[in-house]
C-alpha atoms as a PDB file:
ATOM      1  CA  MET A   1      99.997  -9.570 112.381  1.00  0.00           C
ATOM      2  CA  LYS A   2      97.392 -11.503 114.344  1.00  0.00           C
ATOM      3  CA  LYS A   3      93.836 -11.620 113.107  1.00  0.00           C
ATOM      4  CA  SER A   4      92.560  -9.976 116.286  1.00  0.00           C
ATOM      5  CA  ASN A   5      94.675  -6.925 115.540  1.00  0.00           C
ATOM      6  CA  THR A   6      93.797  -6.925 111.869  1.00  0.00           C
ATOM      7  CA  LEU A   7      90.129  -6.663 112.716  1.00  0.00           C
ATOM      8  CA  ALA A   8      90.760  -3.651 114.901  1.00  0.00           C
ATOM      9  CA  LEU A   9      87.732  -3.327 117.166  1.00  0.00           C
ATOM     10  CA  GLY A  10      86.492  -6.711 116.123  1.00  0.00           C
ATOM     11  CA  PHE A  11      83.951  -7.408 113.563  1.00  0.00           C
ATOM     12  CA  ILE A  12      80.401  -6.437 112.887  1.00  0.00           C
ATOM     13  CA  ALA A  13      77.793  -8.595 111.570  1.00  0.00           C
ATOM     14  CA  LEU A  14      74.684  -8.131 109.363  1.00  0.00           C
ATOM     15  CA  MET A  15      74.451 -10.304 109.364  1.00  0.00           C
ATOM     16  CA  ILE A  16      74.763 -10.772 109.485  1.00  0.00           C
ATOM     17  CA  SER A  17      72.602 -13.717 111.036  1.00  0.00           C
ATOM     18  CA  VAL A  18      73.281 -13.210 114.375  1.00  0.00           C
ATOM     19  CA  GLY A  19      71.145 -12.746 117.498  1.00  0.00           C
ATOM     20  CA  ALA A  20      71.886 -13.083 121.173  1.00  0.00           C
ATOM     21  CA  LYS A  21      69.990 -15.508 123.377  1.00  0.00           C
ATOM     22  CA  ILE A  22      68.633 -13.505 126.298  1.00  0.00           C
ATOM     23  CA  CYS A  23      67.350 -15.195 129.429  1.00  0.00           C
ATOM     24  CA  ALA A  24      63.544 -15.323 129.310  1.00  0.00           C
ATOM     25  CA  GLN A  25      63.212 -14.161 132.912  1.00  0.00           C
ATOM     26  CA  GLU A  26      65.075 -10.926 132.222  1.00  0.00           C
ATOM     27  CA  LYS A  27      63.996  -7.921 130.237  1.00  0.00           C
ATOM     28  CA  GLU A  28      65.790  -8.126 126.934  1.00  0.00           C
ATOM     29  CA  LYS A  29      68.804  -5.880 126.675  1.00  0.00           C
ATOM     30  CA  PRO A  30      70.413  -4.632 123.468  1.00  0.00           C
ATOM     31  CA  VAL A  31      73.473  -6.503 122.244  1.00  0.00           C
ATOM     32  CA  PHE A  32      76.408  -5.035 120.336  1.00  0.00           C
ATOM     33  CA  ILE A  33      77.432  -6.152 116.881  1.00  0.00           C
ATOM     34  CA  THR A  34      80.828  -5.474 115.365  1.00  0.00           C
ATOM     35  CA  VAL A  35      81.007  -5.515 111.591  1.00  0.00           C
ATOM     36  CA  THR A  36      84.261  -5.617 109.686  1.00  0.00           C
ATOM     37  CA  THR A  37      84.190  -5.475 105.910  1.00  0.00           C
ATOM     38  CA  LEU A  38      87.289  -7.002 104.352  1.00  0.00           C
ATOM     39  CA  HIS A  39      88.186  -7.478 100.687  1.00  0.00           C
ATOM     40  CA  ARG A  40      89.407 -10.742  99.231  1.00  0.00           C
ATOM     41  CA  ASN A  41      92.656 -10.944  97.366  1.00  0.00           C
ATOM     42  CA  LEU A  42      91.329 -12.434  94.136  1.00  0.00           C
ATOM     43  CA  ALA A  43      94.733 -13.949  93.373  1.00  0.00           C
ATOM     44  CA  SER A  44      94.465 -16.165  96.440  1.00  0.00           C
ATOM     45  CA  ASP A  45      92.990 -19.654  96.521  1.00  0.00           C
ATOM     46  CA  GLY A  46      89.380 -19.781  97.711  1.00  0.00           C
ATOM     47  CA  LYS A  47      89.704 -23.264  99.200  1.00  0.00           C
ATOM     48  CA  ASP A  48      92.778 -22.275 101.210  1.00  0.00           C
ATOM     49  CA  TRP A  49      90.918 -19.178 102.450  1.00  0.00           C
ATOM     50  CA  LYS A  50      87.965 -21.273 103.626  1.00  0.00           C
ATOM     51  CA  ASN A  51      90.254 -23.764 105.367  1.00  0.00           C
ATOM     52  CA  SER A  52      92.126 -20.979 107.170  1.00  0.00           C
ATOM     53  CA  GLU A  53      88.926 -19.295 108.306  1.00  0.00           C
ATOM     54  CA  GLN A  54      87.595 -22.655 109.491  1.00  0.00           C
ATOM     55  CA  GLU A  55      90.737 -23.333 111.490  1.00  0.00           C
ATOM     56  CA  TYR A  56      90.551 -19.908 113.124  1.00  0.00           C
ATOM     57  CA  PHE A  57      86.853 -20.355 113.878  1.00  0.00           C
ATOM     58  CA  ASP A  58      87.333 -23.821 115.389  1.00  0.00           C
ATOM     59  CA  LYS A  59      90.276 -22.792 117.556  1.00  0.00           C
ATOM     60  CA  ILE A  60      89.335 -19.226 118.517  1.00  0.00           C
ATOM     61  CA  THR A  61      85.854 -17.884 117.727  1.00  0.00           C
ATOM     62  CA  SER A  62      83.937 -21.021 118.727  1.00  0.00           C
ATOM     63  CA  LYS A  63      85.811 -21.181 122.046  1.00  0.00           C
ATOM     64  CA  ASN A  64      85.526 -17.492 122.944  1.00  0.00           C
ATOM     65  CA  ASP A  65      82.488 -17.348 125.238  1.00  0.00           C
ATOM     66  CA  LEU A  66      82.355 -13.543 125.062  1.00  0.00           C
ATOM     67  CA  ILE A  67      81.486 -13.797 121.374  1.00  0.00           C
ATOM     68  CA  ILE A  68      77.852 -14.917 121.614  1.00  0.00           C
ATOM     69  CA  GLY A  69      77.185 -14.920 117.866  1.00  0.00           C
ATOM     70  CA  SER A  70      79.297 -14.897 114.734  1.00  0.00           C
ATOM     71  CA  GLU A  71      78.881 -15.023 110.954  1.00  0.00           C
ATOM     72  CA  ILE A  72      81.024 -14.662 107.864  1.00  0.00           C
ATOM     73  CA  LEU A  73      79.048 -13.275 104.935  1.00  0.00           C
ATOM     74  CA  THR A  74      80.245 -13.487 101.359  1.00  0.00           C
ATOM     75  CA  HIS A  75      79.225 -11.395  98.360  1.00  0.00           C
ATOM     76  CA  TYR A  76      76.158 -12.509  96.402  1.00  0.00           C
ATOM     77  CA  TYR A  77      74.447  -9.370  95.068  1.00  0.00           C
ATOM     78  CA  THR A  78      76.395  -6.296  96.162  1.00  0.00           C
ATOM     79  CA  ASP A  79      78.432  -3.714  94.293  1.00  0.00           C
ATOM     80  CA  ASP A  80      81.766  -5.353  95.222  1.00  0.00           C
ATOM     81  CA  ASN A  81      82.444  -9.041  94.616  1.00  0.00           C
ATOM     82  CA  THR A  82      85.527  -8.970  96.881  1.00  0.00           C
ATOM     83  CA  GLU A  83      83.526  -8.223 100.044  1.00  0.00           C
ATOM     84  CA  ILE A  84      83.862 -10.524 103.028  1.00  0.00           C
ATOM     85  CA  VAL A  85      81.810  -9.314 105.997  1.00  0.00           C
ATOM     86  CA  LEU A  86      82.770 -10.574 109.448  1.00  0.00           C
ATOM     87  CA  VAL A  87      80.125 -10.295 112.164  1.00  0.00           C
ATOM     88  CA  ASN A  88      80.491 -10.828 115.914  1.00  0.00           C
ATOM     89  CA  VAL A  89      77.884 -10.278 118.615  1.00  0.00           C
ATOM     90  CA  TYR A  90      78.561  -9.351 122.254  1.00  0.00           C
ATOM     91  CA  LYS A  91      76.354  -8.871 125.309  1.00  0.00           C
ATOM     92  CA  THR A  92      77.993  -5.553 126.262  1.00  0.00           C
ATOM     93  CA  TRP A  93      80.239  -2.882 124.797  1.00  0.00           C
ATOM     94  CA  GLU A  94      82.925  -3.815 127.347  1.00  0.00           C
ATOM     95  CA  ASP A  95      82.900  -7.411 126.125  1.00  0.00           C
ATOM     96  CA  ILE A  96      84.180  -6.299 122.723  1.00  0.00           C
ATOM     97  CA  GLU A  97      87.552  -5.377 124.186  1.00  0.00           C
ATOM     98  CA  LYS A  98      87.560  -8.283 126.638  1.00  0.00           C
ATOM     99  CA  ALA A  99      86.843 -10.716 123.819  1.00  0.00           C
ATOM    100  CA  GLY A 100      89.847  -9.403 121.925  1.00  0.00           C
ATOM    101  CA  ALA A 101      92.090 -10.116 124.904  1.00  0.00           C
ATOM    102  CA  LEU A 102      90.584 -13.599 125.281  1.00  0.00           C
ATOM    103  CA  SER A 103      91.158 -14.302 121.585  1.00  0.00           C
ATOM    104  CA  ASP A 104      94.805 -13.328 122.048  1.00  0.00           C
ATOM    105  CA  GLU A 105      95.077 -15.885 124.861  1.00  0.00           C
ATOM    106  CA  LEU A 106      93.423 -18.568 122.741  1.00  0.00           C
ATOM    107  CA  ILE A 107      95.756 -17.801 119.843  1.00  0.00           C
ATOM    108  CA  LYS A 108      98.827 -18.372 122.019  1.00  0.00           C
ATOM    109  CA  LYS A 109      97.271 -21.526 123.456  1.00  0.00           C
ATOM    110  CA  ASN A 110      96.364 -23.026 120.081  1.00  0.00           C
ATOM    111  CA  TRP A 111      99.571 -21.984 118.322  1.00  0.00           C
ATOM    112  CA  PRO A 112     102.113 -22.227 121.164  1.00  0.00           C
ATOM    113  CA  ASP A 113     105.016 -22.336 118.727  1.00  0.00           C
ATOM    114  CA  GLU A 114     105.751 -18.756 117.697  1.00  0.00           C
ATOM    115  CA  LYS A 115     107.020 -19.722 114.255  1.00  0.00           C
ATOM    116  CA  ALA A 116     103.899 -21.745 113.499  1.00  0.00           C
ATOM    117  CA  ARG A 117     101.714 -18.926 114.808  1.00  0.00           C
ATOM    118  CA  THR A 118     103.476 -16.332 112.684  1.00  0.00           C
ATOM    119  CA  ALA A 119     103.276 -18.556 109.606  1.00  0.00           C
ATOM    120  CA  PHE A 120      99.538 -19.073 110.019  1.00  0.00           C
ATOM    121  CA  PHE A 121      98.693 -15.380 110.328  1.00  0.00           C
ATOM    122  CA  GLU A 122     101.077 -14.308 107.585  1.00  0.00           C
ATOM    123  CA  LYS A 123      99.289 -16.750 105.296  1.00  0.00           C
ATOM    124  CA  TYR A 124      95.915 -15.540 106.554  1.00  0.00           C
ATOM    125  CA  GLU A 125      96.671 -11.897 105.816  1.00  0.00           C
ATOM    126  CA  LYS A 126      97.510 -12.697 102.206  1.00  0.00           C
ATOM    127  CA  PHE A 127      93.895 -13.695 101.580  1.00  0.00           C
ATOM    128  CA  TYR A 128      92.811 -10.078 102.039  1.00  0.00           C
ATOM    129  CA  ALA A 129      93.596  -6.624 100.708  1.00  0.00           C
ATOM    130  CA  PRO A 130      95.155  -4.252 103.301  1.00  0.00           C
ATOM    131  CA  ALA A 131      92.140  -1.913 103.599  1.00  0.00           C
ATOM    132  CA  HIS A 132      89.103  -2.741 105.724  1.00  0.00           C
ATOM    133  CA  SER A 133      86.308  -0.876 107.500  1.00  0.00           C
ATOM    134  CA  ASP A 134      84.749  -1.288 110.967  1.00  0.00           C
ATOM    135  CA  GLU A 135      81.307  -0.446 112.321  1.00  0.00           C
ATOM    136  CA  ILE A 136      79.600  -1.201 115.613  1.00  0.00           C
ATOM    137  CA  TYR A 137      75.835  -1.522 115.855  1.00  0.00           C
ATOM    138  CA  GLN A 138      73.350  -1.999 118.670  1.00  0.00           C
ATOM    139  CA  SER A 139      70.313  -4.242 118.414  1.00  0.00           C
ATOM    140  CA  VAL A 140      66.903  -2.549 118.469  1.00  0.00           C
ATOM    141  CA  THR A 141      64.764  -4.461 120.958  1.00  0.00           C
ATOM    142  CA  SER A 142      61.694  -2.210 120.708  1.00  0.00           C
ATOM    143  CA  VAL A 143      60.589  -3.424 117.258  1.00  0.00           C
ATOM    144  CA  GLY A 144      60.979  -7.170 117.833  1.00  0.00           C
ATOM    145  CA  LYS A 145      63.096  -9.841 116.175  1.00  0.00           C
ATOM    146  CA  LYS A 146      62.655 -13.318 114.749  1.00  0.00           C
ATOM    147  CA  GLU A 147      65.271 -15.791 115.940  1.00  0.00           C
ATOM    148  CA  TYR A 148      66.595 -18.402 113.550  1.00  0.00           C
ATOM    149  CA  LYS A 149      65.565 -21.756 115.042  1.00  0.00           C
ATOM    150  CA  ASP A 150      66.434 -24.381 112.452  1.00  0.00           C
ATOM    151  CA  GLN A 151      69.880 -25.737 111.680  1.00  0.00           C
ATOM    152  CA  THR A 152      71.040 -26.135 108.124  1.00  0.00           C
ATOM    153  CA  LYS A 153      74.235 -27.139 106.382  1.00  0.00           C
ATOM    154  CA  LYS A 154      73.276 -25.128 103.308  1.00  0.00           C
ATOM    155  CA  PRO A 155      74.298 -21.465 102.989  1.00  0.00           C
ATOM    156  CA  MET A 156      71.459 -19.062 103.665  1.00  0.00           C
ATOM    157  CA  ILE A 157      70.593 -15.901 101.814  1.00  0.00           C
ATOM    158  CA  VAL A 158      71.104 -12.844 104.022  1.00  0.00           C
ATOM    159  CA  TYR A 159      69.394  -9.708 102.771  1.00  0.00           C
ATOM    160  CA  ILE A 160      70.424  -6.505 104.526  1.00  0.00           C
ATOM    161  CA  ARG A 161      68.413  -3.335 104.082  1.00  0.00           C
ATOM    162  CA  LYS A 162      70.185  -0.196 105.272  1.00  0.00           C
ATOM    163  CA  SER A 163      67.819   2.721 105.884  1.00  0.00           C
ATOM    164  CA  GLN A 164      68.484   6.198 107.187  1.00  0.00           C
ATOM    165  CA  ILE A 165      66.682   7.350 110.312  1.00  0.00           C
ATOM    166  CA  ASN A 166      65.020  10.754 110.060  1.00  0.00           C
ATOM    167  CA  PRO A 167      66.583  12.726 112.966  1.00  0.00           C
ATOM    168  CA  GLU A 168      63.487  14.910 113.169  1.00  0.00           C
ATOM    169  CA  GLY A 169      60.987  12.161 112.506  1.00  0.00           C
ATOM    170  CA  LYS A 170      58.545  10.936 115.119  1.00  0.00           C
ATOM    171  CA  GLY A 171      57.048   8.099 113.170  1.00  0.00           C
ATOM    172  CA  LYS A 172      56.008   4.793 114.643  1.00  0.00           C
ATOM    173  CA  ASN A 173      54.364   1.537 113.555  1.00  0.00           C
ATOM    174  CA  LEU A 174      57.516  -0.506 112.781  1.00  0.00           C
ATOM    175  CA  LYS A 175      56.824  -2.882 115.668  1.00  0.00           C
ATOM    176  CA  GLU A 176      53.231  -3.273 114.538  1.00  0.00           C
ATOM    177  CA  PHE A 177      54.391  -3.932 110.981  1.00  0.00           C
ATOM    178  CA  ASN A 178      56.791  -6.600 112.180  1.00  0.00           C
ATOM    179  CA  ASP A 179      54.223  -8.236 114.462  1.00  0.00           C
ATOM    180  CA  LYS A 180      51.554  -8.357 111.757  1.00  0.00           C
ATOM    181  CA  ILE A 181      53.642  -8.805 108.610  1.00  0.00           C
ATOM    182  CA  THR A 182      57.327  -9.702 109.030  1.00  0.00           C
ATOM    183  CA  PHE A 183      56.826 -12.360 111.696  1.00  0.00           C
ATOM    184  CA  ASN A 184      53.918 -13.947 109.801  1.00  0.00           C
ATOM    185  CA  ASP A 185      55.902 -14.362 106.612  1.00  0.00           C
ATOM    186  CA  PRO A 186      56.989 -18.045 106.521  1.00  0.00           C
ATOM    187  CA  PHE A 187      59.762 -17.310 104.029  1.00  0.00           C
ATOM    188  CA  ILE A 188      61.583 -15.015 106.475  1.00  0.00           C
ATOM    189  CA  LYS A 189      63.482 -17.478 108.663  1.00  0.00           C
ATOM    190  CA  ALA A 190      65.057 -14.805 110.859  1.00  0.00           C
ATOM    191  CA  TYR A 191      64.952 -11.037 111.272  1.00  0.00           C
ATOM    192  CA  TYR A 192      67.343  -8.807 113.255  1.00  0.00           C
ATOM    193  CA  PRO A 193      67.156  -4.984 113.441  1.00  0.00           C
ATOM    194  CA  TYR A 194      70.236  -2.899 114.325  1.00  0.00           C
ATOM    195  CA  ARG A 195      71.095   0.769 114.644  1.00  0.00           C
ATOM    196  CA  HIS A 196      74.342   2.739 114.544  1.00  0.00           C
ATOM    197  CA  SER A 197      76.455   2.793 117.676  1.00  0.00           C
ATOM    198  CA  TRP A 198      79.925   3.630 116.379  1.00  0.00           C
ATOM    199  CA  GLY A 199      80.993   4.352 112.824  1.00  0.00           C
ATOM    200  CA  SER A 200      80.640   6.727 109.917  1.00  0.00           C
ATOM    201  CA  ASN A 201      76.879   7.419 109.834  1.00  0.00           C
ATOM    202  CA  SER A 202      74.818   7.979 112.975  1.00  0.00           C
ATOM    203  CA  THR A 203      71.512   7.613 111.087  1.00  0.00           C
ATOM    204  CA  ASP A 204      72.141   4.030 109.938  1.00  0.00           C
ATOM    205  CA  PHE A 205      69.349   1.560 110.649  1.00  0.00           C
ATOM    206  CA  LEU A 206      69.899  -1.988 109.417  1.00  0.00           C
ATOM    207  CA  GLU A 207      67.530  -4.911 109.090  1.00  0.00           C
ATOM    208  CA  ALA A 208      68.890  -8.394 108.374  1.00  0.00           C
ATOM    209  CA  PHE A 209      66.534 -10.961 106.832  1.00  0.00           C
ATOM    210  CA  PHE A 210      67.471 -14.636 106.475  1.00  0.00           C
ATOM    211  CA  TYR A 211      66.010 -16.853 103.728  1.00  0.00           C
ATOM    212  CA  ASP A 212      66.611 -20.440 102.618  1.00  0.00           C
ATOM    213  CA  SER A 213      67.063 -19.352  99.006  1.00  0.00           C
ATOM    214  CA  LEU A 214      66.970 -16.408  96.636  1.00  0.00           C
ATOM    215  CA  ALA A 215      63.680 -17.759  95.272  1.00  0.00           C
ATOM    216  CA  ASP A 216      62.218 -17.539  98.789  1.00  0.00           C
ATOM    217  CA  LEU A 217      63.263 -13.902  99.009  1.00  0.00           C
ATOM    218  CA  GLU A 218      61.203 -13.215  95.870  1.00  0.00           C
ATOM    219  CA  LYS A 219      58.275 -15.244  97.221  1.00  0.00           C
ATOM    220  CA  SER A 220      58.510 -13.228 100.420  1.00  0.00           C
ATOM    221  CA  ASN A 221      57.790 -10.025  98.522  1.00  0.00           C
ATOM    222  CA  ASP A 222      54.544 -11.495  97.219  1.00  0.00           C
ATOM    223  CA  LYS A 223      53.646 -12.828 100.659  1.00  0.00           C
ATOM    224  CA  ILE A 224      54.208  -9.436 102.264  1.00  0.00           C
ATOM    225  CA  THR A 225      51.913  -7.789  99.707  1.00  0.00           C
ATOM    226  CA  GLU A 226      49.279 -10.416 100.460  1.00  0.00           C
ATOM    227  CA  LEU A 227      49.594  -9.910 104.227  1.00  0.00           C
ATOM    228  CA  ILE A 228      49.377  -6.132 103.916  1.00  0.00           C
ATOM    229  CA  LYS A 229      46.176  -6.353 101.885  1.00  0.00           C
ATOM    230  CA  SER A 230      44.581  -8.788 104.320  1.00  0.00           C
ATOM    231  CA  THR A 231      45.683  -6.789 107.388  1.00  0.00           C
ATOM    232  CA  TRP A 232      44.550  -3.402 106.031  1.00  0.00           C
ATOM    233  CA  PRO A 233      41.927  -4.209 103.410  1.00  0.00           C
ATOM    234  CA  LYS A 234      40.901  -0.575 103.074  1.00  0.00           C
ATOM    235  CA  GLU A 235      43.316   1.494 101.011  1.00  0.00           C
ATOM    236  CA  LYS A 236      42.881   4.568 103.214  1.00  0.00           C
ATOM    237  CA  ASP A 237      43.903   2.543 106.266  1.00  0.00           C
ATOM    238  CA  GLN A 238      46.985   1.279 104.442  1.00  0.00           C
ATOM    239  CA  ASP A 239      47.933   4.798 103.423  1.00  0.00           C
ATOM    240  CA  ALA A 240      47.482   6.150 106.950  1.00  0.00           C
ATOM    241  CA  PHE A 241      49.558   3.351 108.468  1.00  0.00           C
ATOM    242  CA  PHE A 242      52.462   3.649 106.053  1.00  0.00           C
ATOM    243  CA  ASP A 243      52.429   7.445 106.077  1.00  0.00           C
ATOM    244  CA  GLU A 244      53.031   7.246 109.824  1.00  0.00           C
ATOM    245  CA  LEU A 245      55.662   4.515 109.475  1.00  0.00           C
ATOM    246  CA  GLN A 246      57.629   6.444 106.866  1.00  0.00           C
ATOM    247  CA  LYS A 247      58.033   9.458 109.167  1.00  0.00           C
ATOM    248  CA  SER A 248      60.742   7.515 111.010  1.00  0.00           C
ATOM    249  CA  PHE A 249      62.989   7.403 107.941  1.00  0.00           C
ATOM    250  CA  THR A 250      64.342   9.694 105.247  1.00  0.00           C
ATOM    251  CA  GLY A 251      63.069   7.433 102.477  1.00  0.00           C
ATOM    252  CA  LYS A 252      66.590   6.573 101.331  1.00  0.00           C
ATOM    253  CA  HIS A 253      67.820   2.997 101.658  1.00  0.00           C
ATOM    254  CA  SER A 254      70.300   0.562 100.104  1.00  0.00           C
ATOM    255  CA  ASP A 255      70.147  -3.204  99.610  1.00  0.00           C
ATOM    256  CA  TYR A 256      72.773  -5.932  99.999  1.00  0.00           C
ATOM    257  CA  ILE A 257      72.479  -9.686  99.525  1.00  0.00           C
ATOM    258  CA  TYR A 258      75.055 -12.040 101.009  1.00  0.00           C
ATOM    259  CA  ARG A 259      75.435 -15.746 101.707  1.00  0.00           C
ATOM    260  CA  ASN A 260      76.604 -17.113 105.035  1.00  0.00           C
ATOM    261  CA  ILE A 261      78.858 -20.119 105.672  1.00  0.00           C
ATOM    262  CA  PRO A 262      77.110 -22.522 108.090  1.00  0.00           C
ATOM    263  CA  SER A 263      80.315 -24.118 109.392  1.00  0.00           C
ATOM    264  CA  LEU A 264      81.554 -20.637 110.377  1.00  0.00           C
ATOM    265  CA  SER A 265      78.332 -19.682 112.138  1.00  0.00           C
ATOM    266  CA  LYS A 266      77.964 -19.410 115.888  1.00  0.00           C
END
């Protein structure tokens, strides 16, 4: 089976590290992120897996102009060490399906021999367990984002915080928090907020933070505390601000830490 079929609707995306470049003259529009969570076959060879993913990326993902961003995130601190999270970003919902068709064309072009094509994807499928899950998210433009500007050959730490939106909540202040705190934290190299568009939980709200290292993630916590105290030096002002902010959410959240693979990043 071809990879494009295996991934069903296509894949996410955290991360996971992914943001679309919108023309500065236009009002920014939300992008769509497909996220597919696969599970590694632990009996397979990790080096062979990386080489196969690299070959697919070089021949297909990197050449598919409808995929405007892409990441592969691997387990670092999550509850399942077999997780491999595939993330793709598209300008529109329609481009998700169109990109799948374009990938099919690129597959036939890059593996014109049917036997060689079949052999590659049969080998590819053996790297993963049969079960996978798919979600589609939409970027949240109203609260801002921080684009990743530097290039690095070292894997980055990708921290994803999944919160639950309060359906009856009318809270605000997230944009102000990001403007005053998140975007002034030098340890946060990139920040992308997403919300549910298609999947199992309509209240999902995800925030992806990129760091150079796990140590920087810890330093970021201290920096955020420092920025909060300097921004709202009076405790009553802090309490009022965060009381309003928390109305947007149920208070429940979960945390995931992954690493990306720079050579498989678009």
